């Protein structure tokens, strides 16, 4: 998957003044949304301890399916009034690092990596993913912060 990254200082400095202001506003918005997403994953990790202990997986598509299933279960739990605090072992003081998300426990050097085939199309190279992420960023950027006429 590609990611939408904030504009870096080189990109901002090479732009005209109005675009620089729009880029900085975009970066602030993206940062705020990122924090909300990190908190959402923190809630999932609090409710589903197995998610926190999963470790690395080679099959990204399989991980998406697992997380999607956990999101559905999480929403069902909310609908039926289930609370993570009622779960044995739930720790609301679990360490959280606002820069990196939840602090993961040390990974075992011999941790099992589940491999069922990547399921990733061949064209999805790192370079391709970066280009796609930048293209998506520009679409979102222009949509959220249109050029003032």
N, C-alpha and C. Protein backbone atom coordinates (compact mmCIF):
# COMPACT_ATOMS: atom_id res chain seq x y z
N UNK A 1 0.83 -1.19 0.00
CA UNK A 1 0.00 0.00 0.00
C UNK A 1 0.87 1.25 0.00
N UNK A 2 0.36 2.28 -0.61
CA UNK A 2 1.11 3.53 -0.58
C UNK A 2 0.59 4.38 0.58
N UNK A 3 1.40 5.30 1.00
CA UNK A 3 1.00 6.17 2.09
C UNK A 3 1.02 7.62 1.62
N UNK A 4 0.19 8.42 2.24
CA UNK A 4 0.17 9.85 1.97
C UNK A 4 1.06 10.50 3.02
N UNK A 5 2.15 11.10 2.56
CA UNK A 5 3.14 11.71 3.45
C UNK A 5 2.95 13.23 3.47
N UNK A 6 3.35 13.88 4.56
CA UNK A 6 3.31 15.35 4.57
C UNK A 6 4.34 15.91 3.58
N UNK A 7 4.15 17.16 3.21
CA UNK A 7 5.14 17.82 2.36
C UNK A 7 6.38 18.07 3.20
N UNK A 8 7.55 17.81 2.64
CA UNK A 8 8.78 18.08 3.39
C UNK A 8 9.21 19.53 3.13
N UNK A 9 10.16 20.01 3.92
CA UNK A 9 10.59 21.41 3.83
C UNK A 9 11.16 21.76 2.45
N UNK A 10 11.82 20.84 1.80
CA UNK A 10 12.36 21.11 0.46
C UNK A 10 11.22 21.39 -0.51
N UNK A 11 10.17 20.58 -0.44
CA UNK A 11 9.01 20.80 -1.32
C UNK A 11 8.34 22.13 -1.00
N UNK A 12 8.23 22.44 0.27
CA UNK A 12 7.56 23.69 0.67
C UNK A 12 8.38 24.90 0.21
N UNK A 13 9.69 24.88 0.46
CA UNK A 13 10.54 26.02 0.09
C UNK A 13 10.59 26.25 -1.41
N UNK A 14 10.43 25.20 -2.20
CA UNK A 14 10.51 25.36 -3.65
C UNK A 14 9.19 25.85 -4.26
N UNK A 15 8.19 26.12 -3.43
CA UNK A 15 6.89 26.57 -3.92
C UNK A 15 6.70 28.06 -3.67
N UNK A 16 5.71 28.65 -4.36
CA UNK A 16 5.40 30.06 -4.14
C UNK A 16 4.72 30.23 -2.78
N UNK A 17 4.64 31.46 -2.30
CA UNK A 17 4.15 31.76 -0.96
C UNK A 17 2.73 31.23 -0.70
N UNK A 18 1.76 31.47 -1.58
CA UNK A 18 0.41 30.94 -1.31
C UNK A 18 0.39 29.41 -1.23
N UNK A 19 1.17 28.76 -2.08
CA UNK A 19 1.23 27.29 -2.06
C UNK A 19 1.90 26.80 -0.79
N UNK A 20 2.92 27.53 -0.33
CA UNK A 20 3.58 27.16 0.93
C UNK A 20 2.58 27.16 2.08
N UNK A 21 1.73 28.18 2.13
CA UNK A 21 0.73 28.27 3.20
C UNK A 21 -0.25 27.10 3.12
N UNK A 22 -0.68 26.77 1.90
CA UNK A 22 -1.58 25.64 1.70
C UNK A 22 -0.91 24.33 2.12
N UNK A 23 0.37 24.18 1.77
CA UNK A 23 1.11 22.95 2.12
C UNK A 23 1.24 22.80 3.63
N UNK A 24 1.52 23.89 4.30
CA UNK A 24 1.65 23.82 5.76
C UNK A 24 0.30 23.51 6.41
N UNK A 25 -0.77 24.08 5.88
CA UNK A 25 -2.11 23.78 6.39
C UNK A 25 -2.44 22.30 6.17
N UNK A 26 -2.06 21.77 5.01
CA UNK A 26 -2.26 20.36 4.70
C UNK A 26 -1.50 19.49 5.71
N UNK A 27 -0.24 19.84 5.97
CA UNK A 27 0.57 19.07 6.92
C UNK A 27 -0.06 19.06 8.31
N UNK A 28 -0.60 20.21 8.74
CA UNK A 28 -1.26 20.26 10.06
C UNK A 28 -2.49 19.36 10.08
N UNK A 29 -3.29 19.42 9.02
CA UNK A 29 -4.50 18.58 8.94
C UNK A 29 -4.13 17.11 8.93
N UNK A 30 -3.13 16.75 8.12
CA UNK A 30 -2.69 15.35 8.03
C UNK A 30 -2.18 14.85 9.38
N UNK A 31 -1.45 15.70 10.09
CA UNK A 31 -0.93 15.33 11.40
C UNK A 31 -2.07 15.05 12.38
N UNK A 32 -3.08 15.90 12.36
CA UNK A 32 -4.23 15.71 13.25
C UNK A 32 -4.97 14.42 12.94
N UNK A 33 -5.15 14.13 11.67
CA UNK A 33 -5.84 12.90 11.27
C UNK A 33 -5.01 11.68 11.66
N UNK A 34 -3.70 11.79 11.48
CA UNK A 34 -2.81 10.68 11.84
C UNK A 34 -2.93 10.34 13.32
N UNK A 35 -3.02 11.36 14.16
CA UNK A 35 -3.16 11.13 15.60
C UNK A 35 -4.48 10.41 15.89
N UNK A 36 -5.57 10.82 15.21
CA UNK A 36 -6.86 10.15 15.40
C UNK A 36 -6.78 8.68 15.00
N UNK A 37 -6.10 8.41 13.89
CA UNK A 37 -5.94 7.03 13.42
C UNK A 37 -5.13 6.22 14.43
N UNK A 38 -4.06 6.81 14.97
CA UNK A 38 -3.25 6.12 15.97
C UNK A 38 -4.08 5.78 17.20
N UNK A 39 -4.95 6.70 17.62
CA UNK A 39 -5.80 6.44 18.77
C UNK A 39 -6.80 5.33 18.46
N UNK A 40 -7.32 5.32 17.23
CA UNK A 40 -8.25 4.25 16.83
C UNK A 40 -7.56 2.89 16.88
N UNK A 41 -6.32 2.82 16.37
CA UNK A 41 -5.58 1.56 16.44
C UNK A 41 -5.27 1.21 17.89
N UNK A 42 -5.03 2.22 18.71
CA UNK A 42 -4.81 1.96 20.13
C UNK A 42 -6.03 1.34 20.79
N UNK A 43 -7.23 1.83 20.42
CA UNK A 43 -8.46 1.24 20.95
C UNK A 43 -8.58 -0.22 20.50
N UNK A 44 -8.28 -0.48 19.23
CA UNK A 44 -8.34 -1.85 18.73
C UNK A 44 -7.36 -2.75 19.48
N UNK A 45 -6.14 -2.24 19.70
CA UNK A 45 -5.13 -3.03 20.40
C UNK A 45 -5.53 -3.27 21.85
N UNK A 46 -6.26 -2.32 22.44
CA UNK A 46 -6.74 -2.51 23.80
C UNK A 46 -7.83 -3.57 23.87
N UNK A 47 -8.70 -3.59 22.88
CA UNK A 47 -9.80 -4.55 22.86
C UNK A 47 -9.33 -5.93 22.41
N UNK A 48 -8.43 -5.97 21.44
CA UNK A 48 -7.97 -7.23 20.87
C UNK A 48 -6.47 -7.36 21.09
N UNK A 49 -6.09 -7.93 22.22
CA UNK A 49 -4.68 -8.07 22.58
C UNK A 49 -3.88 -8.81 21.51
N UNK A 50 -4.53 -9.72 20.81
CA UNK A 50 -3.82 -10.48 19.77
C UNK A 50 -3.29 -9.56 18.68
N UNK A 51 -3.97 -8.46 18.42
CA UNK A 51 -3.50 -7.51 17.41
C UNK A 51 -2.18 -6.90 17.85
N UNK A 52 -2.07 -6.61 19.12
CA UNK A 52 -0.84 -6.01 19.63
C UNK A 52 0.33 -6.99 19.60
N UNK A 53 0.04 -8.26 19.75
CA UNK A 53 1.08 -9.28 19.82
C UNK A 53 1.31 -9.99 18.49
N UNK A 54 0.66 -9.56 17.42
CA UNK A 54 0.69 -10.28 16.15
C UNK A 54 2.08 -10.47 15.56
N UNK A 55 2.90 -9.45 15.58
CA UNK A 55 4.21 -9.56 14.96
C UNK A 55 4.13 -9.35 13.45
N UNK A 56 5.27 -9.43 12.79
CA UNK A 56 5.30 -9.15 11.34
C UNK A 56 4.66 -10.26 10.51
N UNK A 57 4.06 -9.87 9.41
CA UNK A 57 3.45 -10.80 8.46
C UNK A 57 3.99 -10.49 7.08
N UNK A 58 4.21 -11.50 6.30
CA UNK A 58 4.69 -11.31 4.94
C UNK A 58 3.54 -11.02 3.99
N UNK A 59 2.34 -11.48 4.31
CA UNK A 59 1.20 -11.32 3.41
C UNK A 59 0.37 -10.12 3.84
N UNK A 60 0.57 -9.00 3.18
CA UNK A 60 -0.11 -7.75 3.53
C UNK A 60 -1.62 -7.88 3.36
N UNK A 61 -2.05 -8.54 2.31
CA UNK A 61 -3.49 -8.69 2.06
C UNK A 61 -4.16 -9.46 3.20
N UNK A 62 -3.48 -10.46 3.71
CA UNK A 62 -4.01 -11.24 4.84
C UNK A 62 -4.15 -10.34 6.08
N UNK A 63 -3.19 -9.46 6.29
CA UNK A 63 -3.26 -8.52 7.42
C UNK A 63 -4.46 -7.58 7.27
N UNK A 64 -4.68 -7.09 6.04
CA UNK A 64 -5.84 -6.22 5.81
C UNK A 64 -7.13 -6.93 6.18
N UNK A 65 -7.24 -8.18 5.78
CA UNK A 65 -8.46 -8.95 6.08
C UNK A 65 -8.63 -9.12 7.58
N UNK A 66 -7.54 -9.41 8.28
CA UNK A 66 -7.62 -9.59 9.73
C UNK A 66 -8.03 -8.29 10.42
N UNK A 67 -7.43 -7.19 10.02
CA UNK A 67 -7.75 -5.90 10.64
C UNK A 67 -9.18 -5.49 10.31
N UNK A 68 -9.61 -5.72 9.07
CA UNK A 68 -10.99 -5.41 8.69
C UNK A 68 -11.97 -6.21 9.55
N UNK A 69 -11.68 -7.49 9.78
CA UNK A 69 -12.54 -8.32 10.62
C UNK A 69 -12.57 -7.78 12.05
N UNK A 70 -11.42 -7.35 12.57
CA UNK A 70 -11.38 -6.80 13.92
C UNK A 70 -12.15 -5.49 14.01
N UNK A 71 -12.10 -4.68 12.95
CA UNK A 71 -12.88 -3.43 12.93
C UNK A 71 -14.38 -3.74 13.00
N UNK A 72 -14.80 -4.75 12.26
CA UNK A 72 -16.22 -5.14 12.28
C UNK A 72 -16.61 -5.63 13.68
N UNK A 73 -15.78 -6.49 14.27
CA UNK A 73 -16.05 -6.98 15.62
C UNK A 73 -16.06 -5.83 16.63
N UNK A 74 -15.13 -4.89 16.48
CA UNK A 74 -15.06 -3.73 17.37
C UNK A 74 -16.36 -2.93 17.30
N UNK A 75 -16.84 -2.68 16.08
CA UNK A 75 -18.09 -1.93 15.93
C UNK A 75 -19.28 -2.70 16.51
N UNK A 76 -19.26 -4.03 16.37
CA UNK A 76 -20.33 -4.83 16.98
C UNK A 76 -20.27 -4.73 18.50
N UNK A 77 -19.07 -4.75 19.06
CA UNK A 77 -18.91 -4.62 20.51
C UNK A 77 -19.46 -3.28 20.99
N UNK A 78 -19.17 -2.22 20.25
CA UNK A 78 -19.69 -0.90 20.61
C UNK A 78 -21.21 -0.91 20.55
N UNK A 79 -21.75 -1.49 19.49
CA UNK A 79 -23.21 -1.56 19.30
C UNK A 79 -23.89 -2.28 20.47
N UNK A 80 -23.25 -3.31 21.00
CA UNK A 80 -23.84 -4.11 22.08
C UNK A 80 -23.38 -3.67 23.47
N UNK A 81 -22.67 -2.54 23.55
CA UNK A 81 -22.30 -1.97 24.84
C UNK A 81 -21.13 -2.64 25.54
N UNK A 82 -20.36 -3.43 24.82
CA UNK A 82 -19.17 -4.07 25.40
C UNK A 82 -18.09 -3.01 25.58
N UNK A 83 -17.38 -3.08 26.69
CA UNK A 83 -16.34 -2.08 26.97
C UNK A 83 -15.00 -2.78 27.15
N UNK A 84 -13.92 -2.22 26.55
CA UNK A 84 -12.60 -2.83 26.71
C UNK A 84 -12.17 -2.93 28.17
N UNK A 85 -12.63 -1.99 29.01
CA UNK A 85 -12.24 -2.00 30.42
C UNK A 85 -12.69 -3.28 31.12
N UNK A 86 -13.73 -3.94 30.58
CA UNK A 86 -14.23 -5.17 31.18
C UNK A 86 -13.42 -6.40 30.79
N UNK A 87 -12.46 -6.23 29.90
CA UNK A 87 -11.66 -7.35 29.41
C UNK A 87 -10.52 -7.60 30.37
N UNK A 88 -10.35 -8.87 30.75
CA UNK A 88 -9.25 -9.22 31.64
C UNK A 88 -7.93 -8.85 30.98
N UNK A 89 -7.08 -8.17 31.71
CA UNK A 89 -5.77 -7.79 31.20
C UNK A 89 -5.75 -6.47 30.44
N UNK A 90 -6.91 -5.81 30.30
CA UNK A 90 -6.94 -4.52 29.61
C UNK A 90 -6.18 -3.51 30.44
N UNK A 91 -5.29 -2.77 29.81
CA UNK A 91 -4.46 -1.80 30.51
C UNK A 91 -4.63 -0.43 29.86
N UNK A 92 -5.45 0.45 30.43
CA UNK A 92 -5.67 1.76 29.83
C UNK A 92 -4.43 2.65 29.88
N UNK A 93 -3.42 2.24 30.67
CA UNK A 93 -2.19 3.03 30.76
C UNK A 93 -1.11 2.48 29.84
N UNK A 94 -1.49 1.58 28.93
CA UNK A 94 -0.52 1.02 27.99
C UNK A 94 0.25 2.17 27.35
N UNK A 95 1.58 2.05 27.23
CA UNK A 95 2.37 3.17 26.73
C UNK A 95 1.98 3.58 25.32
N UNK A 96 1.88 4.88 25.13
CA UNK A 96 1.55 5.43 23.82
C UNK A 96 2.56 6.51 23.49
N UNK A 97 3.13 6.42 22.32
CA UNK A 97 4.09 7.40 21.84
C UNK A 97 3.41 8.15 20.71
N UNK A 98 3.11 9.44 20.89
CA UNK A 98 2.34 10.18 19.89
C UNK A 98 3.04 10.29 18.55
N UNK A 99 4.34 10.14 18.52
CA UNK A 99 5.06 10.19 17.24
C UNK A 99 4.97 8.87 16.50
N UNK A 100 5.07 7.77 17.21
CA UNK A 100 5.17 6.47 16.55
C UNK A 100 3.98 5.57 16.80
N UNK A 101 2.95 6.05 17.50
CA UNK A 101 1.84 5.18 17.82
C UNK A 101 2.15 4.41 19.09
N UNK A 102 1.46 3.31 19.29
CA UNK A 102 1.70 2.51 20.48
C UNK A 102 3.11 1.97 20.47
N UNK A 103 3.72 1.94 21.63
CA UNK A 103 5.06 1.37 21.77
C UNK A 103 4.89 -0.14 21.84
N UNK A 104 5.47 -0.84 20.89
CA UNK A 104 5.34 -2.29 20.82
C UNK A 104 6.31 -2.96 21.78
N UNK A 105 5.92 -4.12 22.31
CA UNK A 105 6.88 -4.86 23.13
C UNK A 105 8.04 -5.32 22.26
N UNK A 106 9.17 -5.57 22.89
CA UNK A 106 10.33 -6.01 22.12
C UNK A 106 9.97 -7.27 21.35
N UNK A 107 10.31 -7.26 20.06
CA UNK A 107 10.04 -8.42 19.23
C UNK A 107 11.11 -9.47 19.45
N UNK A 108 10.70 -10.71 19.54
CA UNK A 108 11.63 -11.83 19.65
C UNK A 108 12.42 -11.91 18.36
N UNK A 109 13.72 -12.03 18.47
CA UNK A 109 14.57 -12.10 17.27
C UNK A 109 14.19 -13.26 16.38
N UNK A 110 13.62 -14.31 16.96
CA UNK A 110 13.22 -15.48 16.18
C UNK A 110 11.72 -15.49 15.94
N UNK A 111 11.09 -14.31 15.97
CA UNK A 111 9.63 -14.25 15.80
C UNK A 111 9.22 -14.87 14.48
N UNK A 112 8.11 -15.56 14.55
CA UNK A 112 7.58 -16.23 13.37
C UNK A 112 6.99 -15.20 12.41
N UNK A 113 7.35 -15.28 11.16
CA UNK A 113 6.74 -14.45 10.14
C UNK A 113 5.81 -15.35 9.35
N UNK A 114 4.54 -15.01 9.35
CA UNK A 114 3.55 -15.83 8.66
C UNK A 114 3.65 -15.54 7.17
N UNK A 115 3.88 -16.56 6.39
CA UNK A 115 4.04 -16.39 4.95
C UNK A 115 3.05 -17.26 4.19
N UNK A 116 2.14 -16.62 3.47
CA UNK A 116 1.19 -17.33 2.63
C UNK A 116 1.23 -16.77 1.22
N UNK A 117 2.33 -16.20 0.83
CA UNK A 117 2.41 -15.54 -0.47
C UNK A 117 2.02 -14.09 -0.32
N UNK A 118 2.68 -13.24 -1.04
CA UNK A 118 2.46 -11.81 -0.88
C UNK A 118 1.08 -11.35 -1.34
N UNK A 119 0.60 -11.87 -2.45
CA UNK A 119 -0.67 -11.38 -2.96
C UNK A 119 -0.60 -9.93 -3.39
N UNK A 120 0.60 -9.45 -3.68
CA UNK A 120 0.79 -8.06 -4.09
C UNK A 120 1.12 -8.05 -5.57
N UNK A 121 0.40 -7.23 -6.37
CA UNK A 121 0.69 -7.16 -7.81
C UNK A 121 2.15 -6.77 -8.07
N UNK A 122 2.71 -7.33 -9.14
CA UNK A 122 4.13 -7.13 -9.47
C UNK A 122 4.50 -5.67 -9.68
N UNK A 123 3.57 -4.85 -10.20
CA UNK A 123 3.92 -3.45 -10.48
C UNK A 123 4.06 -2.63 -9.20
N UNK A 124 3.64 -3.16 -8.07
CA UNK A 124 3.69 -2.40 -6.82
C UNK A 124 5.09 -2.41 -6.21
N UNK A 125 6.02 -1.80 -6.92
CA UNK A 125 7.38 -1.64 -6.41
C UNK A 125 7.40 -0.45 -5.46
N UNK A 126 8.48 -0.29 -4.72
CA UNK A 126 8.60 0.86 -3.81
C UNK A 126 8.46 2.18 -4.58
N UNK A 127 9.12 2.27 -5.74
CA UNK A 127 9.06 3.50 -6.54
C UNK A 127 7.63 3.77 -7.01
N UNK A 128 6.94 2.73 -7.46
CA UNK A 128 5.56 2.88 -7.93
C UNK A 128 4.67 3.33 -6.78
N UNK A 129 4.84 2.72 -5.60
CA UNK A 129 4.04 3.09 -4.44
C UNK A 129 4.27 4.54 -4.03
N UNK A 130 5.52 5.01 -4.10
CA UNK A 130 5.82 6.41 -3.77
C UNK A 130 5.14 7.35 -4.76
N UNK A 131 5.21 7.02 -6.06
CA UNK A 131 4.54 7.86 -7.07
C UNK A 131 3.04 7.90 -6.82
N UNK A 132 2.44 6.75 -6.53
CA UNK A 132 1.01 6.70 -6.28
C UNK A 132 0.64 7.50 -5.03
N UNK A 133 1.47 7.40 -3.99
CA UNK A 133 1.23 8.16 -2.77
C UNK A 133 1.31 9.66 -3.01
N UNK A 134 2.29 10.09 -3.79
CA UNK A 134 2.42 11.52 -4.11
C UNK A 134 1.24 12.00 -4.95
N UNK A 135 0.81 11.19 -5.91
CA UNK A 135 -0.33 11.56 -6.75
C UNK A 135 -1.59 11.68 -5.90
N UNK A 136 -1.81 10.73 -4.99
CA UNK A 136 -2.97 10.78 -4.11
C UNK A 136 -2.89 11.99 -3.19
N UNK A 137 -1.70 12.30 -2.70
CA UNK A 137 -1.52 13.47 -1.84
C UNK A 137 -1.94 14.74 -2.57
N UNK A 138 -1.55 14.88 -3.84
CA UNK A 138 -1.90 16.08 -4.60
C UNK A 138 -3.40 16.18 -4.83
N UNK A 139 -4.06 15.05 -5.05
CA UNK A 139 -5.52 15.06 -5.23
C UNK A 139 -6.19 15.54 -3.93
N UNK A 140 -5.77 14.97 -2.81
CA UNK A 140 -6.34 15.36 -1.52
C UNK A 140 -5.99 16.81 -1.19
N UNK A 141 -4.75 17.20 -1.45
CA UNK A 141 -4.28 18.56 -1.20
C UNK A 141 -5.14 19.58 -1.95
N UNK A 142 -5.32 19.36 -3.25
CA UNK A 142 -6.10 20.30 -4.07
C UNK A 142 -7.58 20.29 -3.69
N UNK A 143 -8.07 19.15 -3.22
CA UNK A 143 -9.46 19.06 -2.81
C UNK A 143 -9.70 19.78 -1.48
N UNK A 144 -8.81 19.58 -0.51
CA UNK A 144 -8.98 20.19 0.81
C UNK A 144 -8.57 21.66 0.85
N UNK A 145 -7.56 22.00 0.05
CA UNK A 145 -7.01 23.36 0.07
C UNK A 145 -6.92 23.89 -1.35
N UNK A 146 -8.08 24.19 -1.96
CA UNK A 146 -8.06 24.65 -3.36
C UNK A 146 -7.37 26.00 -3.49
N UNK A 147 -6.87 26.25 -4.68
CA UNK A 147 -6.21 27.52 -4.98
C UNK A 147 -7.26 28.62 -4.93
N UNK A 148 -6.98 29.67 -4.14
CA UNK A 148 -7.91 30.80 -4.03
C UNK A 148 -7.86 31.62 -5.31
N UNK A 149 -9.02 31.97 -5.81
CA UNK A 149 -9.09 32.80 -7.04
C UNK A 149 -9.27 34.24 -6.71
